[in-house]
Amino acid sequence: MTRVLLTGFEPFGDDLVNPSWEAVALLAAAPPPGTEITAVRLSCVFGTAIEELRTAVEETAPELVVCVGQAGGRPDITVERVAINVDDARIPDNAGRQPVDTPVVPGGPAAYFASLPVKACVAAVRAAGVPASVSQTAGTFVCNHVAYGLAHLIATERPDLRGGFVHVPFAPEQVVASGKPSLPVTTVADALREIVATAVAHTGADLAVAGGATH
């Protein structure tokens, strides 16, 4: 039985839901065979979110961590390849914090690659009939903050742990007026199921297939 920690975020700003948490909670209630999933909801707050993640890792001793966040405007499931060591908030977080050009971890490396089989996860989601792609940027808001914090924790304290970050689109109820891209939360949960199952089973080299971007 593989111990898996999944995290999603609380609703941000004026939104009443956050599809990252809704999907994570659904998957935790019906985990893939051979996995034991703990779901934790993180605050959408710089600093606090990493502290909550660290506590969850300490309490659950997972073998795999998949953090999930909302990327409003993206049309598909995006598995993040890299996290960078900078907080540069265009808007305030839920606590009103708005760091600009601030390192996530002072003195830390400029960036970390995810320790998930990113391309294999994308291929599995697509095979399940859900649109997905490799993402080359997790932004510079709280999602990247958590992605970098997780990678730094793995690199400096828990070398046997694997993990990464996945961005998901809006839920349909969030875009009734705007018409922006969305996916049902149940579909997102199905995609996360494929990602978790693939990450658990795929411990060797990632797929050698194109997943880059031209801009």
N, C-alpha and C. Protein backbone atom coordinates (compact mmCIF):
# COMPACT_ATOMS: atom_id res chain seq x y z
N MET A 1 0.84 -1.20 0.00
CA MET A 1 0.00 0.00 0.00
C MET A 1 0.88 1.24 0.00
N THR A 2 0.72 2.08 -1.00
CA THR A 2 1.51 3.30 -1.12
C THR A 2 0.79 4.47 -0.45
N ARG A 3 1.48 5.12 0.46
CA ARG A 3 0.90 6.28 1.15
C ARG A 3 1.06 7.52 0.28
N VAL A 4 -0.06 8.18 0.00
CA VAL A 4 -0.08 9.34 -0.88
C VAL A 4 -0.71 10.52 -0.15
N LEU A 5 -0.05 11.66 -0.22
CA LEU A 5 -0.62 12.90 0.29
C LEU A 5 -1.05 13.75 -0.89
N LEU A 6 -2.32 14.13 -0.90
CA LEU A 6 -2.85 15.05 -1.91
C LEU A 6 -3.24 16.34 -1.21
N THR A 7 -2.90 17.46 -1.84
CA THR A 7 -3.34 18.74 -1.29
C THR A 7 -4.07 19.54 -2.35
N GLY A 8 -5.06 20.29 -1.90
CA GLY A 8 -5.75 21.26 -2.73
C GLY A 8 -5.83 22.56 -1.94
N PHE A 9 -6.35 23.60 -2.56
CA PHE A 9 -6.41 24.90 -1.90
C PHE A 9 -7.84 25.28 -1.51
N GLU A 10 -7.92 26.11 -0.49
CA GLU A 10 -9.19 26.72 -0.12
C GLU A 10 -9.64 27.65 -1.25
N PRO A 11 -10.93 28.04 -1.27
CA PRO A 11 -11.38 29.01 -2.27
C PRO A 11 -10.59 30.30 -2.19
N PHE A 12 -10.36 30.92 -3.35
CA PHE A 12 -9.56 32.14 -3.40
C PHE A 12 -10.43 33.34 -3.74
N GLY A 13 -10.18 34.42 -3.04
CA GLY A 13 -10.88 35.67 -3.33
C GLY A 13 -12.38 35.54 -3.12
N ASP A 14 -13.16 35.89 -4.14
CA ASP A 14 -14.61 35.86 -4.04
C ASP A 14 -15.22 34.52 -4.44
N ASP A 15 -14.40 33.58 -4.89
CA ASP A 15 -14.93 32.28 -5.29
C ASP A 15 -15.44 31.51 -4.08
N LEU A 16 -16.49 30.75 -4.29
CA LEU A 16 -17.06 29.93 -3.21
C LEU A 16 -16.48 28.52 -3.21
N VAL A 17 -15.85 28.12 -4.31
CA VAL A 17 -15.26 26.79 -4.41
C VAL A 17 -13.87 26.91 -5.02
N ASN A 18 -13.07 25.90 -4.78
CA ASN A 18 -11.80 25.76 -5.47
C ASN A 18 -11.75 24.34 -6.01
N PRO A 19 -11.75 24.17 -7.33
CA PRO A 19 -11.83 22.83 -7.90
C PRO A 19 -10.64 21.94 -7.52
N SER A 20 -9.52 22.54 -7.15
CA SER A 20 -8.39 21.72 -6.74
C SER A 20 -8.75 20.93 -5.49
N TRP A 21 -9.35 21.59 -4.51
CA TRP A 21 -9.73 20.88 -3.29
C TRP A 21 -10.92 19.96 -3.53
N GLU A 22 -11.90 20.41 -4.28
CA GLU A 22 -13.08 19.57 -4.52
C GLU A 22 -12.67 18.25 -5.19
N ALA A 23 -11.77 18.31 -6.16
CA ALA A 23 -11.33 17.10 -6.87
C ALA A 23 -10.48 16.21 -5.98
N VAL A 24 -9.59 16.82 -5.21
CA VAL A 24 -8.74 16.05 -4.29
C VAL A 24 -9.60 15.31 -3.27
N ALA A 25 -10.61 15.98 -2.73
CA ALA A 25 -11.49 15.34 -1.75
C ALA A 25 -12.25 14.17 -2.37
N LEU A 26 -12.69 14.33 -3.62
CA LEU A 26 -13.38 13.23 -4.30
C LEU A 26 -12.46 12.02 -4.47
N LEU A 27 -11.23 12.27 -4.88
CA LEU A 27 -10.30 11.17 -5.11
C LEU A 27 -9.93 10.48 -3.81
N ALA A 28 -9.76 11.25 -2.75
CA ALA A 28 -9.42 10.65 -1.45
C ALA A 28 -10.51 9.72 -0.95
N ALA A 29 -11.76 10.02 -1.33
CA ALA A 29 -12.87 9.17 -0.90
C ALA A 29 -12.93 7.86 -1.68
N ALA A 30 -12.28 7.80 -2.84
CA ALA A 30 -12.27 6.59 -3.66
C ALA A 30 -10.89 6.45 -4.31
N PRO A 31 -9.86 6.12 -3.53
CA PRO A 31 -8.48 6.12 -4.05
C PRO A 31 -8.22 4.99 -5.02
N PRO A 32 -7.20 5.14 -5.87
CA PRO A 32 -6.82 4.05 -6.77
C PRO A 32 -6.40 2.81 -5.97
N PRO A 33 -6.58 1.63 -6.52
CA PRO A 33 -6.16 0.41 -5.81
C PRO A 33 -4.68 0.47 -5.42
N GLY A 34 -4.39 0.00 -4.24
CA GLY A 34 -3.02 -0.05 -3.77
C GLY A 34 -2.50 1.24 -3.18
N THR A 35 -3.38 2.23 -3.02
CA THR A 35 -2.96 3.50 -2.44
C THR A 35 -3.79 3.84 -1.20
N GLU A 36 -3.16 4.55 -0.33
CA GLU A 36 -3.83 5.08 0.87
C GLU A 36 -3.66 6.59 0.82
N ILE A 37 -4.74 7.31 0.57
CA ILE A 37 -4.65 8.75 0.31
C ILE A 37 -5.10 9.57 1.51
N THR A 38 -4.30 10.55 1.86
CA THR A 38 -4.69 11.58 2.82
C THR A 38 -4.84 12.88 2.05
N ALA A 39 -5.97 13.55 2.24
CA ALA A 39 -6.22 14.83 1.56
C ALA A 39 -6.15 15.96 2.58
N VAL A 40 -5.44 17.01 2.22
CA VAL A 40 -5.27 18.17 3.10
C VAL A 40 -5.56 19.43 2.31
N ARG A 41 -6.37 20.32 2.88
CA ARG A 41 -6.67 21.59 2.24
C ARG A 41 -5.71 22.65 2.75
N LEU A 42 -5.00 23.30 1.83
CA LEU A 42 -4.04 24.33 2.18
C LEU A 42 -4.66 25.72 2.08
N SER A 43 -4.15 26.62 2.91
CA SER A 43 -4.54 28.02 2.83
C SER A 43 -3.92 28.65 1.59
N CYS A 44 -4.63 29.53 0.94
CA CYS A 44 -4.07 30.26 -0.21
C CYS A 44 -3.36 31.50 0.33
N VAL A 45 -2.30 31.22 1.09
CA VAL A 45 -1.56 32.27 1.80
C VAL A 45 -0.07 31.94 1.74
N PHE A 46 0.72 32.90 1.31
CA PHE A 46 2.17 32.72 1.28
C PHE A 46 2.69 32.37 2.68
N GLY A 47 3.62 31.46 2.75
CA GLY A 47 4.20 31.07 4.03
C GLY A 47 3.35 30.05 4.74
N THR A 48 2.11 30.39 5.03
CA THR A 48 1.22 29.47 5.75
C THR A 48 1.02 28.18 4.99
N ALA A 49 0.87 28.27 3.67
CA ALA A 49 0.61 27.06 2.87
C ALA A 49 1.77 26.07 2.97
N ILE A 50 3.00 26.56 2.93
CA ILE A 50 4.16 25.67 3.05
C ILE A 50 4.24 25.07 4.45
N GLU A 51 3.93 25.86 5.46
CA GLU A 51 3.93 25.33 6.82
C GLU A 51 2.89 24.21 6.97
N GLU A 52 1.71 24.41 6.39
CA GLU A 52 0.67 23.38 6.45
C GLU A 52 1.09 22.14 5.69
N LEU A 53 1.75 22.32 4.56
CA LEU A 53 2.24 21.18 3.79
C LEU A 53 3.28 20.40 4.58
N ARG A 54 4.23 21.10 5.17
CA ARG A 54 5.26 20.44 5.97
C ARG A 54 4.64 19.63 7.11
N THR A 55 3.68 20.23 7.80
CA THR A 55 3.01 19.52 8.90
C THR A 55 2.33 18.26 8.39
N ALA A 56 1.66 18.36 7.24
CA ALA A 56 0.97 17.19 6.67
C ALA A 56 1.96 16.09 6.32
N VAL A 57 3.11 16.46 5.76
CA VAL A 57 4.13 15.46 5.43
C VAL A 57 4.65 14.79 6.69
N GLU A 58 4.89 15.58 7.72
CA GLU A 58 5.39 15.02 8.97
C GLU A 58 4.38 14.08 9.62
N GLU A 59 3.11 14.42 9.52
CA GLU A 59 2.07 13.63 10.19
C GLU A 59 1.71 12.36 9.43
N THR A 60 1.84 12.37 8.11
CA THR A 60 1.37 11.23 7.31
C THR A 60 2.50 10.38 6.73
N ALA A 61 3.73 10.89 6.73
CA ALA A 61 4.88 10.16 6.19
C ALA A 61 4.58 9.54 4.83
N PRO A 62 4.21 10.35 3.85
CA PRO A 62 3.83 9.80 2.54
C PRO A 62 5.05 9.36 1.74
N GLU A 63 4.78 8.53 0.73
CA GLU A 63 5.81 8.16 -0.23
C GLU A 63 5.70 9.00 -1.50
N LEU A 64 4.53 9.61 -1.69
CA LEU A 64 4.25 10.43 -2.86
C LEU A 64 3.38 11.60 -2.44
N VAL A 65 3.71 12.79 -2.94
CA VAL A 65 2.90 13.98 -2.69
C VAL A 65 2.52 14.61 -4.02
N VAL A 66 1.24 14.86 -4.21
CA VAL A 66 0.77 15.58 -5.39
C VAL A 66 -0.03 16.78 -4.89
N CYS A 67 0.51 17.96 -5.12
CA CYS A 67 -0.19 19.19 -4.75
C CYS A 67 -0.96 19.69 -5.97
N VAL A 68 -2.15 20.19 -5.73
CA VAL A 68 -3.04 20.58 -6.83
C VAL A 68 -3.53 22.00 -6.60
N GLY A 69 -3.58 22.78 -7.67
CA GLY A 69 -4.06 24.15 -7.57
C GLY A 69 -4.87 24.54 -8.78
N GLN A 70 -5.62 25.61 -8.65
CA GLN A 70 -6.46 26.12 -9.74
C GLN A 70 -5.65 27.06 -10.63
N ALA A 71 -5.76 26.85 -11.93
CA ALA A 71 -5.17 27.77 -12.91
C ALA A 71 -6.29 28.28 -13.79
N GLY A 72 -6.99 29.29 -13.31
CA GLY A 72 -8.12 29.84 -14.05
C GLY A 72 -7.71 30.35 -15.42
N GLY A 73 -8.40 29.89 -16.44
CA GLY A 73 -8.08 30.28 -17.81
C GLY A 73 -7.40 29.19 -18.60
N ARG A 74 -6.72 28.26 -17.93
CA ARG A 74 -6.14 27.13 -18.64
C ARG A 74 -7.26 26.15 -19.02
N PRO A 75 -7.16 25.54 -20.20
CA PRO A 75 -8.25 24.67 -20.66
C PRO A 75 -8.10 23.21 -20.29
N ASP A 76 -6.93 22.83 -19.76
CA ASP A 76 -6.68 21.40 -19.55
C ASP A 76 -5.95 21.15 -18.23
N ILE A 77 -5.74 19.87 -17.95
CA ILE A 77 -4.96 19.47 -16.79
C ILE A 77 -3.48 19.68 -17.14
N THR A 78 -2.77 20.44 -16.32
CA THR A 78 -1.37 20.72 -16.63
C THR A 78 -0.48 20.23 -15.49
N VAL A 79 0.44 19.34 -15.85
CA VAL A 79 1.39 18.79 -14.87
C VAL A 79 2.64 19.65 -14.93
N GLU A 80 3.03 20.23 -13.81
CA GLU A 80 4.12 21.18 -13.79
C GLU A 80 5.48 20.49 -13.84
N ARG A 81 6.34 20.99 -14.71
CA ARG A 81 7.68 20.45 -14.85
C ARG A 81 8.66 21.07 -13.85
N VAL A 82 8.48 22.37 -13.53
CA VAL A 82 9.49 23.09 -12.76
C VAL A 82 8.84 24.10 -11.82
N ALA A 83 9.50 24.33 -10.68
CA ALA A 83 9.09 25.36 -9.73
C ALA A 83 10.28 26.29 -9.53
N ILE A 84 10.03 27.60 -9.48
CA ILE A 84 11.13 28.56 -9.37
C ILE A 84 11.11 29.27 -8.02
N ASN A 85 12.29 29.74 -7.62
CA ASN A 85 12.46 30.29 -6.28
C ASN A 85 12.15 31.79 -6.25
N VAL A 86 10.90 32.12 -6.55
CA VAL A 86 10.50 33.53 -6.45
C VAL A 86 8.99 33.63 -6.20
N ASP A 87 8.65 34.51 -5.27
CA ASP A 87 7.27 34.93 -5.06
C ASP A 87 7.14 36.33 -5.67
N ASP A 88 6.24 36.49 -6.62
CA ASP A 88 6.03 37.80 -7.27
C ASP A 88 4.54 37.92 -7.53
N ALA A 89 3.82 38.40 -6.53
CA ALA A 89 2.36 38.34 -6.53
C ALA A 89 1.75 39.55 -7.23
N ARG A 90 1.06 39.29 -8.32
CA ARG A 90 0.36 40.36 -9.03
C ARG A 90 -0.85 40.84 -8.23
N ILE A 91 -1.41 39.95 -7.41
CA ILE A 91 -2.56 40.25 -6.57
C ILE A 91 -2.30 39.71 -5.16
N PRO A 92 -3.00 40.21 -4.15
CA PRO A 92 -2.79 39.71 -2.79
C PRO A 92 -3.35 38.29 -2.62
N ASP A 93 -2.78 37.56 -1.66
CA ASP A 93 -3.33 36.26 -1.31
C ASP A 93 -4.52 36.45 -0.37
N ASN A 94 -5.02 35.36 0.18
CA ASN A 94 -6.22 35.46 1.02
C ASN A 94 -5.99 36.17 2.35
N ALA A 95 -4.73 36.38 2.70
CA ALA A 95 -4.42 37.12 3.93
C ALA A 95 -3.95 38.54 3.62
N GLY A 96 -4.04 38.92 2.33
CA GLY A 96 -3.63 40.26 1.94
C GLY A 96 -2.13 40.41 1.71
N ARG A 97 -1.41 39.28 1.75
CA ARG A 97 0.04 39.34 1.53
C ARG A 97 0.33 39.42 0.03
N GLN A 98 1.30 40.23 -0.34
CA GLN A 98 1.63 40.42 -1.75
C GLN A 98 3.14 40.60 -1.92
N PRO A 99 3.91 39.52 -1.71
CA PRO A 99 5.36 39.63 -1.85
C PRO A 99 5.74 39.90 -3.30
N VAL A 100 6.77 40.68 -3.49
CA VAL A 100 7.28 41.02 -4.82
C VAL A 100 8.77 40.71 -4.88
N ASP A 101 9.16 39.89 -5.86
CA ASP A 101 10.57 39.55 -6.07
C ASP A 101 11.23 39.04 -4.80
N THR A 102 10.51 38.17 -4.10
CA THR A 102 10.98 37.60 -2.84
C THR A 102 11.25 36.11 -3.03
N PRO A 103 12.39 35.59 -2.59
CA PRO A 103 12.62 34.15 -2.73
C PRO A 103 11.67 33.34 -1.87
N VAL A 104 11.26 32.21 -2.38
CA VAL A 104 10.47 31.27 -1.58
C VAL A 104 11.33 30.77 -0.43
N VAL A 105 12.55 30.39 -0.74
CA VAL A 105 13.53 29.93 0.25
C VAL A 105 14.80 30.74 0.04
N PRO A 106 15.12 31.68 0.93
CA PRO A 106 16.35 32.46 0.77
C PRO A 106 17.58 31.55 0.66
N GLY A 107 18.37 31.78 -0.37
CA GLY A 107 19.56 30.97 -0.56
C GLY A 107 19.33 29.65 -1.25
N GLY A 108 18.08 29.34 -1.58
CA GLY A 108 17.77 28.08 -2.25
C GLY A 108 18.14 28.14 -3.72
N PRO A 109 18.16 26.98 -4.39
CA PRO A 109 18.44 26.96 -5.83
C PRO A 109 17.42 27.78 -6.60
N ALA A 110 17.81 28.22 -7.80
CA ALA A 110 16.90 29.02 -8.62
C ALA A 110 15.63 28.26 -8.97
N ALA A 111 15.74 26.94 -9.14
CA ALA A 111 14.58 26.15 -9.55
C ALA A 111 14.78 24.68 -9.20
N TYR A 112 13.69 23.96 -9.18
CA TYR A 112 13.69 22.50 -9.02
C TYR A 112 12.79 21.90 -10.09
N PHE A 113 13.22 20.77 -10.64
CA PHE A 113 12.33 19.98 -11.48
C PHE A 113 11.47 19.08 -10.59
N ALA A 114 10.24 18.82 -11.01
CA ALA A 114 9.37 17.90 -10.29
C ALA A 114 9.96 16.50 -10.29
N SER A 115 9.68 15.75 -9.25
CA SER A 115 10.12 14.36 -9.20
C SER A 115 8.99 13.40 -9.55
N LEU A 116 7.98 13.92 -10.22
CA LEU A 116 6.94 13.08 -10.83
C LEU A 116 7.38 12.70 -12.24
N PRO A 117 6.87 11.58 -12.77
CA PRO A 117 7.07 11.29 -14.20
C PRO A 117 6.09 12.13 -15.01
N VAL A 118 6.46 13.37 -15.23
CA VAL A 118 5.54 14.39 -15.75
C VAL A 118 4.89 13.96 -17.07
N LYS A 119 5.71 13.53 -18.02
CA LYS A 119 5.17 13.19 -19.34
C LYS A 119 4.35 11.91 -19.31
N ALA A 120 4.74 10.96 -18.48
CA ALA A 120 3.95 9.74 -18.33
C ALA A 120 2.59 10.05 -17.72
N CYS A 121 2.56 10.98 -16.78
CA CYS A 121 1.29 11.38 -16.17
C CYS A 121 0.38 12.05 -17.19
N VAL A 122 0.95 12.93 -18.02
CA VAL A 122 0.17 13.59 -19.06
C VAL A 122 -0.39 12.56 -20.03
N ALA A 123 0.44 11.60 -20.43
CA ALA A 123 -0.01 10.57 -21.37
C ALA A 123 -1.15 9.75 -20.78
N ALA A 124 -1.08 9.45 -19.50
CA ALA A 124 -2.13 8.65 -18.85
C ALA A 124 -3.45 9.41 -18.80
N VAL A 125 -3.37 10.70 -18.50
CA VAL A 125 -4.60 11.51 -18.45
C VAL A 125 -5.23 11.59 -19.83
N ARG A 126 -4.40 11.80 -20.86
CA ARG A 126 -4.93 11.86 -22.22
C ARG A 126 -5.55 10.53 -22.63
N ALA A 127 -4.92 9.43 -22.24
CA ALA A 127 -5.44 8.10 -22.58
C ALA A 127 -6.80 7.86 -21.94
N ALA A 128 -7.05 8.56 -20.82
CA ALA A 128 -8.34 8.44 -20.15
C ALA A 128 -9.39 9.37 -20.75
N GLY A 129 -9.01 10.10 -21.81
CA GLY A 129 -9.96 10.97 -22.50
C GLY A 129 -10.08 12.37 -21.94
N VAL A 130 -9.10 12.79 -21.13
CA VAL A 130 -9.14 14.13 -20.54
C VAL A 130 -7.98 14.94 -21.11
N PRO A 131 -8.22 16.16 -21.56
CA PRO A 131 -7.13 16.97 -22.12
C PRO A 131 -6.08 17.29 -21.06
N ALA A 132 -4.80 17.18 -21.45
CA ALA A 132 -3.71 17.41 -20.50
C ALA A 132 -2.46 17.81 -21.27
N SER A 133 -1.55 18.49 -20.58
CA SER A 133 -0.28 18.88 -21.19
C SER A 133 0.74 19.12 -20.10
N VAL A 134 2.01 19.16 -20.54
CA VAL A 134 3.11 19.56 -19.65
C VAL A 134 3.11 21.07 -19.55
N SER A 135 3.25 21.59 -18.35
CA SER A 135 3.37 23.03 -18.15
C SER A 135 4.82 23.37 -17.78
N GLN A 136 5.32 24.45 -18.38
CA GLN A 136 6.69 24.87 -18.10
C GLN A 136 6.76 25.97 -17.03
N THR A 137 5.61 26.40 -16.53
CA THR A 137 5.60 27.41 -15.47
C THR A 137 4.39 27.23 -14.56
N ALA A 138 4.65 27.27 -13.28
CA ALA A 138 3.58 27.22 -12.28
C ALA A 138 3.22 28.61 -11.80
N GLY A 139 3.69 29.65 -12.53
CA GLY A 139 3.42 31.02 -12.14
C GLY A 139 4.36 31.48 -11.04
N THR A 140 3.99 32.56 -10.37
CA THR A 140 4.79 33.06 -9.24
C THR A 140 3.90 33.41 -8.05
N PHE A 141 2.72 32.78 -8.02
CA PHE A 141 1.77 33.02 -6.92
C PHE A 141 1.88 31.87 -5.92
N VAL A 142 0.83 31.59 -5.17
CA VAL A 142 0.92 30.62 -4.08
C VAL A 142 1.11 29.19 -4.60
N CYS A 143 0.63 28.89 -5.79
CA CYS A 143 0.82 27.54 -6.33
C CYS A 143 2.31 27.24 -6.54
N ASN A 144 3.02 28.13 -7.21
CA ASN A 144 4.45 27.94 -7.38
C ASN A 144 5.17 27.94 -6.04
N HIS A 145 4.72 28.78 -5.13
CA HIS A 145 5.26 28.85 -3.77
C HIS A 145 5.23 27.46 -3.11
N VAL A 146 4.10 26.79 -3.23
CA VAL A 146 3.95 25.45 -2.65
C VAL A 146 4.76 24.42 -3.44
N ALA A 147 4.73 24.53 -4.76
CA ALA A 147 5.50 23.59 -5.58
C ALA A 147 6.98 23.65 -5.25
N TYR A 148 7.50 24.87 -5.10
CA TYR A 148 8.92 25.02 -4.76
C TYR A 148 9.17 24.55 -3.33
N GLY A 149 8.28 24.89 -2.42
CA GLY A 149 8.45 24.46 -1.04
C GLY A 149 8.49 22.95 -0.91
N LEU A 150 7.63 22.26 -1.65
CA LEU A 150 7.64 20.80 -1.63
C LEU A 150 8.96 20.27 -2.20
N ALA A 151 9.38 20.81 -3.34
CA ALA A 151 10.62 20.33 -3.96
C ALA A 151 11.83 20.57 -3.07
N HIS A 152 11.84 21.70 -2.39
CA HIS A 152 12.96 22.00 -1.49
C HIS A 152 12.96 21.05 -0.29
N LEU A 153 11.79 20.76 0.23
CA LEU A 153 11.67 19.81 1.33
C LEU A 153 12.21 18.44 0.91
N ILE A 154 11.84 18.00 -0.29
CA ILE A 154 12.31 16.71 -0.79
C ILE A 154 13.83 16.73 -0.95
N ALA A 155 14.35 17.80 -1.53
CA ALA A 155 15.78 17.88 -1.83
C ALA A 155 16.64 17.97 -0.58
N THR A 156 16.14 18.60 0.46
CA THR A 156 16.98 18.87 1.63
C THR A 156 16.71 17.98 2.83
N GLU A 157 15.51 17.38 2.89
CA GLU A 157 15.17 16.63 4.09
C GLU A 157 14.59 15.24 3.83
N ARG A 158 13.95 15.04 2.71
CA ARG A 158 13.25 13.77 2.47
C ARG A 158 13.57 13.24 1.07
N PRO A 159 14.79 12.76 0.87
CA PRO A 159 15.21 12.33 -0.47
C PRO A 159 14.46 11.11 -1.00
N ASP A 160 13.81 10.36 -0.14
CA ASP A 160 13.05 9.19 -0.60
C ASP A 160 11.62 9.55 -1.01
N LEU A 161 11.22 10.78 -0.78
CA LEU A 161 9.88 11.24 -1.13
C LEU A 161 9.88 11.73 -2.58
N ARG A 162 8.80 11.48 -3.30
CA ARG A 162 8.62 12.00 -4.65
C ARG A 162 7.38 12.89 -4.67
N GLY A 163 7.39 13.89 -5.54
CA GLY A 163 6.22 14.75 -5.58
C GLY A 163 6.27 15.79 -6.67
N GLY A 164 5.17 16.49 -6.81
CA GLY A 164 5.07 17.54 -7.81
C GLY A 164 3.75 18.26 -7.70
N PHE A 165 3.48 19.08 -8.71
CA PHE A 165 2.31 19.96 -8.68
C PHE A 165 1.51 19.83 -9.98
N VAL A 166 0.19 19.89 -9.83
CA VAL A 166 -0.72 19.81 -10.97
C VAL A 166 -1.69 20.99 -10.91
N HIS A 167 -1.85 21.67 -12.03
CA HIS A 167 -2.84 22.75 -12.13
C HIS A 167 -4.09 22.24 -12.84
N VAL A 168 -5.25 22.72 -12.39
CA VAL A 168 -6.52 22.30 -12.98
C VAL A 168 -7.33 23.54 -13.36
N PRO A 169 -8.22 23.41 -14.36
CA PRO A 169 -9.03 24.56 -14.79
C PRO A 169 -10.13 24.91 -13.78
N PHE A 170 -10.82 26.00 -14.09
CA PHE A 170 -12.01 26.36 -13.34
C PHE A 170 -13.03 25.23 -13.37
N ALA A 171 -13.90 25.19 -12.36
CA ALA A 171 -15.10 24.36 -12.41
C ALA A 171 -16.17 25.13 -13.19
N PRO A 172 -17.12 24.42 -13.84
CA PRO A 172 -18.12 25.11 -14.66
C PRO A 172 -18.90 26.19 -13.93
N GLU A 173 -19.21 25.98 -12.66
CA GLU A 173 -20.02 26.97 -11.94
C GLU A 173 -19.26 28.27 -11.69
N GLN A 174 -17.95 28.25 -11.87
CA GLN A 174 -17.16 29.47 -11.69
C GLN A 174 -17.16 30.37 -12.92
N VAL A 175 -17.59 29.83 -14.06
CA VAL A 175 -17.43 30.57 -15.33
C VAL A 175 -18.75 30.76 -16.07
N VAL A 176 -19.85 30.70 -15.36
CA VAL A 176 -21.16 30.84 -16.01
C VAL A 176 -21.26 32.16 -16.75
N ALA A 177 -20.73 33.21 -16.15
CA ALA A 177 -20.82 34.53 -16.77
C ALA A 177 -19.68 34.82 -17.73
N SER A 178 -18.50 34.30 -17.44
CA SER A 178 -17.32 34.66 -18.24
C SER A 178 -17.11 33.76 -19.44
N GLY A 179 -17.58 32.52 -19.38
CA GLY A 179 -17.38 31.59 -20.47
C GLY A 179 -15.94 31.10 -20.62
N LYS A 180 -15.13 31.26 -19.58
CA LYS A 180 -13.74 30.79 -19.64
C LYS A 180 -13.69 29.26 -19.63
N PRO A 181 -12.57 28.67 -20.04
CA PRO A 181 -12.46 27.20 -20.07
C PRO A 181 -12.70 26.59 -18.69
N SER A 182 -13.32 25.42 -18.68
CA SER A 182 -13.59 24.74 -17.42
C SER A 182 -13.66 23.24 -17.65
N LEU A 183 -13.57 22.49 -16.57
CA LEU A 183 -13.77 21.04 -16.56
C LEU A 183 -14.58 20.67 -15.33
N PRO A 184 -15.50 19.72 -15.43
CA PRO A 184 -16.22 19.27 -14.25
C PRO A 184 -15.26 18.72 -13.20
N VAL A 185 -15.58 18.93 -11.94
CA VAL A 185 -14.72 18.45 -10.86
C VAL A 185 -14.58 16.94 -10.91
N THR A 186 -15.63 16.23 -11.31
CA THR A 186 -15.52 14.78 -11.41
C THR A 186 -14.51 14.37 -12.47
N THR A 187 -14.44 15.12 -13.56
CA THR A 187 -13.45 14.84 -14.61
C THR A 187 -12.04 15.12 -14.10
N VAL A 188 -11.89 16.21 -13.35
CA VAL A 188 -10.59 16.53 -12.76
C VAL A 188 -10.16 15.43 -11.80
N ALA A 189 -11.09 14.94 -11.00
CA ALA A 189 -10.77 13.85 -10.06
C ALA A 189 -10.32 12.61 -10.82
N ASP A 190 -10.98 12.31 -11.95
CA ASP A 190 -10.58 11.16 -12.77
C ASP A 190 -9.15 11.35 -13.29
N ALA A 191 -8.83 12.57 -13.69
CA ALA A 191 -7.47 12.86 -14.17
C ALA A 191 -6.45 12.70 -13.07
N LEU A 192 -6.77 13.19 -11.88
CA LEU A 192 -5.85 13.05 -10.76
C LEU A 192 -5.66 11.58 -10.38
N ARG A 193 -6.70 10.79 -10.54
CA ARG A 193 -6.58 9.35 -10.29
C ARG A 193 -5.52 8.74 -11.22
N GLU A 194 -5.57 9.14 -12.49
CA GLU A 194 -4.59 8.63 -13.45
C GLU A 194 -3.18 9.09 -13.09
N ILE A 195 -3.06 10.33 -12.66
CA ILE A 195 -1.75 10.87 -12.29
C ILE A 195 -1.18 10.13 -11.09
N VAL A 196 -1.99 9.92 -10.08
CA VAL A 196 -1.52 9.21 -8.89
C VAL A 196 -1.12 7.78 -9.24
N ALA A 197 -1.99 7.09 -9.96
CA ALA A 197 -1.70 5.69 -10.31
C ALA A 197 -0.42 5.60 -11.15
N THR A 198 -0.25 6.53 -12.07
CA THR A 198 0.94 6.52 -12.92
C THR A 198 2.20 6.82 -12.11
N ALA A 199 2.12 7.80 -11.24
CA ALA A 199 3.29 8.16 -10.43
C ALA A 199 3.68 7.03 -9.49
N VAL A 200 2.70 6.32 -8.97
CA VAL A 200 3.00 5.19 -8.09
C VAL A 200 3.68 4.07 -8.87
N ALA A 201 3.20 3.79 -10.06
CA ALA A 201 3.71 2.65 -10.83
C ALA A 201 4.98 2.97 -11.60
N HIS A 202 5.16 4.26 -11.98
CA HIS A 202 6.24 4.64 -12.88
C HIS A 202 7.37 5.27 -12.07
N THR A 203 8.32 4.47 -11.62
CA THR A 203 9.40 4.97 -10.77
C THR A 203 10.72 5.14 -11.53
N GLY A 204 10.78 4.72 -12.78
CA GLY A 204 12.00 4.86 -13.57
C GLY A 204 12.02 6.14 -14.36
N ALA A 205 12.73 6.12 -15.49
CA ALA A 205 12.84 7.29 -16.33
C ALA A 205 11.48 7.66 -16.92
N ASP A 206 11.27 8.95 -17.13
CA ASP A 206 10.02 9.43 -17.71
C ASP A 206 9.96 9.06 -19.18
N LEU A 207 8.78 9.21 -19.78
CA LEU A 207 8.63 8.94 -21.22
C LEU A 207 9.47 9.92 -22.02
N ALA A 208 10.13 9.43 -23.04
CA ALA A 208 10.94 10.29 -23.92
C ALA A 208 10.09 10.74 -25.10
N VAL A 209 9.13 11.60 -24.82
CA VAL A 209 8.25 12.13 -25.85
C VAL A 209 8.25 13.66 -25.73
N ALA A 210 7.90 14.33 -26.82
CA ALA A 210 7.89 15.78 -26.81
C ALA A 210 6.82 16.32 -25.88
N GLY A 211 7.20 17.30 -25.09
CA GLY A 211 6.24 17.95 -24.20
C GLY A 211 6.59 19.41 -23.99
N GLY A 212 7.40 19.93 -24.89
CA GLY A 212 7.89 21.30 -24.74
C GLY A 212 6.93 22.34 -25.25
N ALA A 213 7.36 23.58 -25.20
CA ALA A 213 6.55 24.71 -25.65
C ALA A 213 7.43 25.65 -26.46
N THR A 214 6.84 26.36 -27.42
CA THR A 214 7.60 27.30 -28.24
C THR A 214 7.57 28.72 -27.67
N HIS A 215 6.69 28.96 -26.72
CA HIS A 215 6.62 30.29 -26.11
C HIS A 215 5.94 30.20 -24.77
